[in-house]
Amino acid sequence: MRPGWILVFALGTLPFIAPFSRFERWVATAPKQGLPLWRLLVGAAGLCAGLAFLAAGGISGEGWLGLNIVAALLPVVGSEIAGFGPFAVCRAALGSGQSDLG
């Protein structure tokens, strides 16, 4: 049953390949210098911890404005440390004319 559906979906995507293939990058670009490993690990740990706090207790709390500040900010801070948060994307877009996302 599943191979049949895979074939149906594969045939369904064929009409989209030619029109959208012009948006693909065909020229290999030089690899970018990545972030240090410690930043990726600390950022991922902070992001996971923040999401765990949100899953365990939610965003409401007894803090300022009724928010759990740690749970609300830890995912954002973790993603910023890892270099892919909302402010990092804005800095990349302002600095190079385009974002790192594509």
C-alpha atoms as a PDB file:
ATOM      1  CA  MET A   1       0.000   0.000   0.000  1.00  0.00           C
ATOM      2  CA  ARG A   2       2.737   2.502   0.910  1.00  0.00           C
ATOM      3  CA  PRO A   3       4.812   2.087  -2.278  1.00  0.00           C
ATOM      4  CA  GLY A   4       1.705   3.010  -4.237  1.00  0.00           C
ATOM      5  CA  TRP A   5       1.261   6.246  -2.302  1.00  0.00           C
ATOM      6  CA  ILE A   6       4.954   7.063  -2.625  1.00  0.00           C
ATOM      7  CA  LEU A   7       4.627   6.671  -6.379  1.00  0.00           C
ATOM      8  CA  VAL A   8       1.486   8.847  -6.454  1.00  0.00           C
ATOM      9  CA  PHE A   9       3.199  11.631  -4.472  1.00  0.00           C
ATOM     10  CA  ALA A  10       6.378  11.385  -6.541  1.00  0.00           C
ATOM     11  CA  LEU A  11       4.391  11.725  -9.757  1.00  0.00           C
ATOM     12  CA  GLY A  12       2.449  14.610  -8.224  1.00  0.00           C
ATOM     13  CA  THR A  13       5.627  16.584  -7.580  1.00  0.00           C
ATOM     14  CA  LEU A  14       7.047  16.147 -11.088  1.00  0.00           C
ATOM     15  CA  PRO A  15       5.124  19.120 -12.587  1.00  0.00           C
ATOM     16  CA  PHE A  16       6.736  21.416  -9.987  1.00  0.00           C
ATOM     17  CA  ILE A  17      10.351  20.433 -10.630  1.00  0.00           C
ATOM     18  CA  ALA A  18      10.928  22.336 -13.882  1.00  0.00           C
ATOM     19  CA  PRO A  19       9.370  25.688 -12.866  1.00  0.00           C
ATOM     20  CA  PHE A  20      11.024  25.778  -9.451  1.00  0.00           C
ATOM     21  CA  SER A  21      14.422  24.380 -10.402  1.00  0.00           C
ATOM     22  CA  ARG A  22      15.551  27.817 -11.571  1.00  0.00           C
ATOM     23  CA  PHE A  23      15.558  28.930  -7.921  1.00  0.00           C
ATOM     24  CA  GLU A  24      18.110  26.284  -6.935  1.00  0.00           C
ATOM     25  CA  ARG A  25      21.772  27.183  -6.482  1.00  0.00           C
ATOM     26  CA  TRP A  26      23.848  25.354  -9.063  1.00  0.00           C
ATOM     27  CA  VAL A  27      27.188  27.006  -8.315  1.00  0.00           C
ATOM     28  CA  ALA A  28      29.065  25.667  -5.322  1.00  0.00           C
ATOM     29  CA  THR A  29      29.854  28.391  -2.810  1.00  0.00           C
ATOM     30  CA  ALA A  30      32.760  28.498  -0.427  1.00  0.00           C
ATOM     31  CA  PRO A  31      31.897  26.931   2.936  1.00  0.00           C
ATOM     32  CA  LYS A  32      31.132  29.437   5.668  1.00  0.00           C
ATOM     33  CA  GLN A  33      33.120  29.522   8.842  1.00  0.00           C
ATOM     34  CA  GLY A  34      30.836  27.984  11.463  1.00  0.00           C
ATOM     35  CA  LEU A  35      30.357  28.922  15.067  1.00  0.00           C
ATOM     36  CA  PRO A  36      32.502  27.347  17.780  1.00  0.00           C
ATOM     37  CA  LEU A  37      31.250  24.027  19.094  1.00  0.00           C
ATOM     38  CA  TRP A  38      30.762  25.330  22.621  1.00  0.00           C
ATOM     39  CA  ARG A  39      28.293  27.975  21.389  1.00  0.00           C
ATOM     40  CA  LEU A  40      26.265  25.387  19.512  1.00  0.00           C
ATOM     41  CA  LEU A  41      26.158  23.036  22.505  1.00  0.00           C
ATOM     42  CA  VAL A  42      25.356  25.709  25.100  1.00  0.00           C
ATOM     43  CA  GLY A  43      22.749  27.268  22.828  1.00  0.00           C
ATOM     44  CA  ALA A  44      21.073  23.942  22.110  1.00  0.00           C
ATOM     45  CA  ALA A  45      21.051  23.082  25.818  1.00  0.00           C
ATOM     46  CA  GLY A  46      19.500  26.459  26.664  1.00  0.00           C
ATOM     47  CA  LEU A  47      16.918  26.097  23.940  1.00  0.00           C
ATOM     48  CA  CYS A  48      15.971  22.588  25.085  1.00  0.00           C
ATOM     49  CA  ALA A  49      15.845  23.664  28.732  1.00  0.00           C
ATOM     50  CA  GLY A  50      13.594  26.593  27.893  1.00  0.00           C
ATOM     51  CA  LEU A  51      11.241  24.412  25.884  1.00  0.00           C
ATOM     52  CA  ALA A  52      11.191  21.906  28.751  1.00  0.00           C
ATOM     53  CA  PHE A  53      10.255  24.671  31.198  1.00  0.00           C
ATOM     54  CA  LEU A  54       7.492  25.792  28.856  1.00  0.00           C
ATOM     55  CA  ALA A  55       6.192  22.248  28.449  1.00  0.00           C
ATOM     56  CA  ALA A  56       6.295  21.575  32.193  1.00  0.00           C
ATOM     57  CA  GLY A  57       4.781  24.762  33.530  1.00  0.00           C
ATOM     58  CA  GLY A  58       3.627  26.937  30.684  1.00  0.00           C
ATOM     59  CA  ILE A  59       4.379  30.590  30.143  1.00  0.00           C
ATOM     60  CA  SER A  60       2.199  31.946  32.940  1.00  0.00           C
ATOM     61  CA  GLY A  61       3.778  32.481  36.327  1.00  0.00           C
ATOM     62  CA  GLU A  62       3.932  34.802  39.275  1.00  0.00           C
ATOM     63  CA  GLY A  63       6.655  37.015  37.898  1.00  0.00           C
ATOM     64  CA  TRP A  64       6.476  40.344  36.139  1.00  0.00           C
ATOM     65  CA  LEU A  65       3.219  40.720  34.150  1.00  0.00           C
ATOM     66  CA  GLY A  66       2.229  37.213  35.180  1.00  0.00           C
ATOM     67  CA  LEU A  67       4.909  35.624  33.024  1.00  0.00           C
ATOM     68  CA  ASN A  68       7.442  32.951  33.819  1.00  0.00           C
ATOM     69  CA  ILE A  69      10.391  35.022  32.628  1.00  0.00           C
ATOM     70  CA  VAL A  70      12.920  32.162  32.655  1.00  0.00           C
ATOM     71  CA  ALA A  71      10.690  29.893  30.586  1.00  0.00           C
ATOM     72  CA  ALA A  72       9.831  32.701  28.186  1.00  0.00           C
ATOM     73  CA  LEU A  73      13.371  33.967  27.587  1.00  0.00           C
ATOM     74  CA  LEU A  74      15.502  30.825  27.811  1.00  0.00           C
ATOM     75  CA  PRO A  75      14.596  29.518  24.323  1.00  0.00           C
ATOM     76  CA  VAL A  76      15.324  32.927  22.803  1.00  0.00           C
ATOM     77  CA  VAL A  77      18.631  33.290  24.641  1.00  0.00           C
ATOM     78  CA  GLY A  78      19.641  29.732  23.756  1.00  0.00           C
ATOM     79  CA  SER A  79      18.926  30.254  20.088  1.00  0.00           C
ATOM     80  CA  GLU A  80      20.851  33.520  20.122  1.00  0.00           C
ATOM     81  CA  ILE A  81      23.884  31.857  21.681  1.00  0.00           C
ATOM     82  CA  ALA A  82      23.716  29.145  19.012  1.00  0.00           C
ATOM     83  CA  GLY A  83      23.554  31.846  16.329  1.00  0.00           C
ATOM     84  CA  PHE A  84      20.144  31.204  14.791  1.00  0.00           C
ATOM     85  CA  GLY A  85      17.755  33.247  16.916  1.00  0.00           C
ATOM     86  CA  PRO A  86      15.554  36.078  15.715  1.00  0.00           C
ATOM     87  CA  PHE A  87      18.142  38.757  16.418  1.00  0.00           C
ATOM     88  CA  ALA A  88      20.954  36.779  14.775  1.00  0.00           C
ATOM     89  CA  VAL A  89      18.901  36.502  11.581  1.00  0.00           C
ATOM     90  CA  CYS A  90      18.219  40.255  11.674  1.00  0.00           C
ATOM     91  CA  ARG A  91      21.926  41.013  12.154  1.00  0.00           C
ATOM     92  CA  ALA A  92      22.821  38.731   9.262  1.00  0.00           C
ATOM     93  CA  ALA A  93      20.215  40.352   7.032  1.00  0.00           C
ATOM     94  CA  LEU A  94      21.408  43.869   7.879  1.00  0.00           C
ATOM     95  CA  GLY A  95      25.097  43.035   7.640  1.00  0.00           C
ATOM     96  CA  SER A  96      25.271  41.049   4.423  1.00  0.00           C
ATOM     97  CA  GLY A  97      22.146  42.076   2.578  1.00  0.00           C
ATOM     98  CA  GLN A  98      20.516  38.688   3.057  1.00  0.00           C
ATOM     99  CA  SER A  99      19.857  36.290   5.902  1.00  0.00           C
ATOM    100  CA  ASP A 100      21.759  33.091   6.619  1.00  0.00           C
ATOM    101  CA  LEU A 101      18.566  31.107   6.135  1.00  0.00           C
ATOM    102  CA  GLY A 102      18.706  31.076   2.377  1.00  0.00           C
END
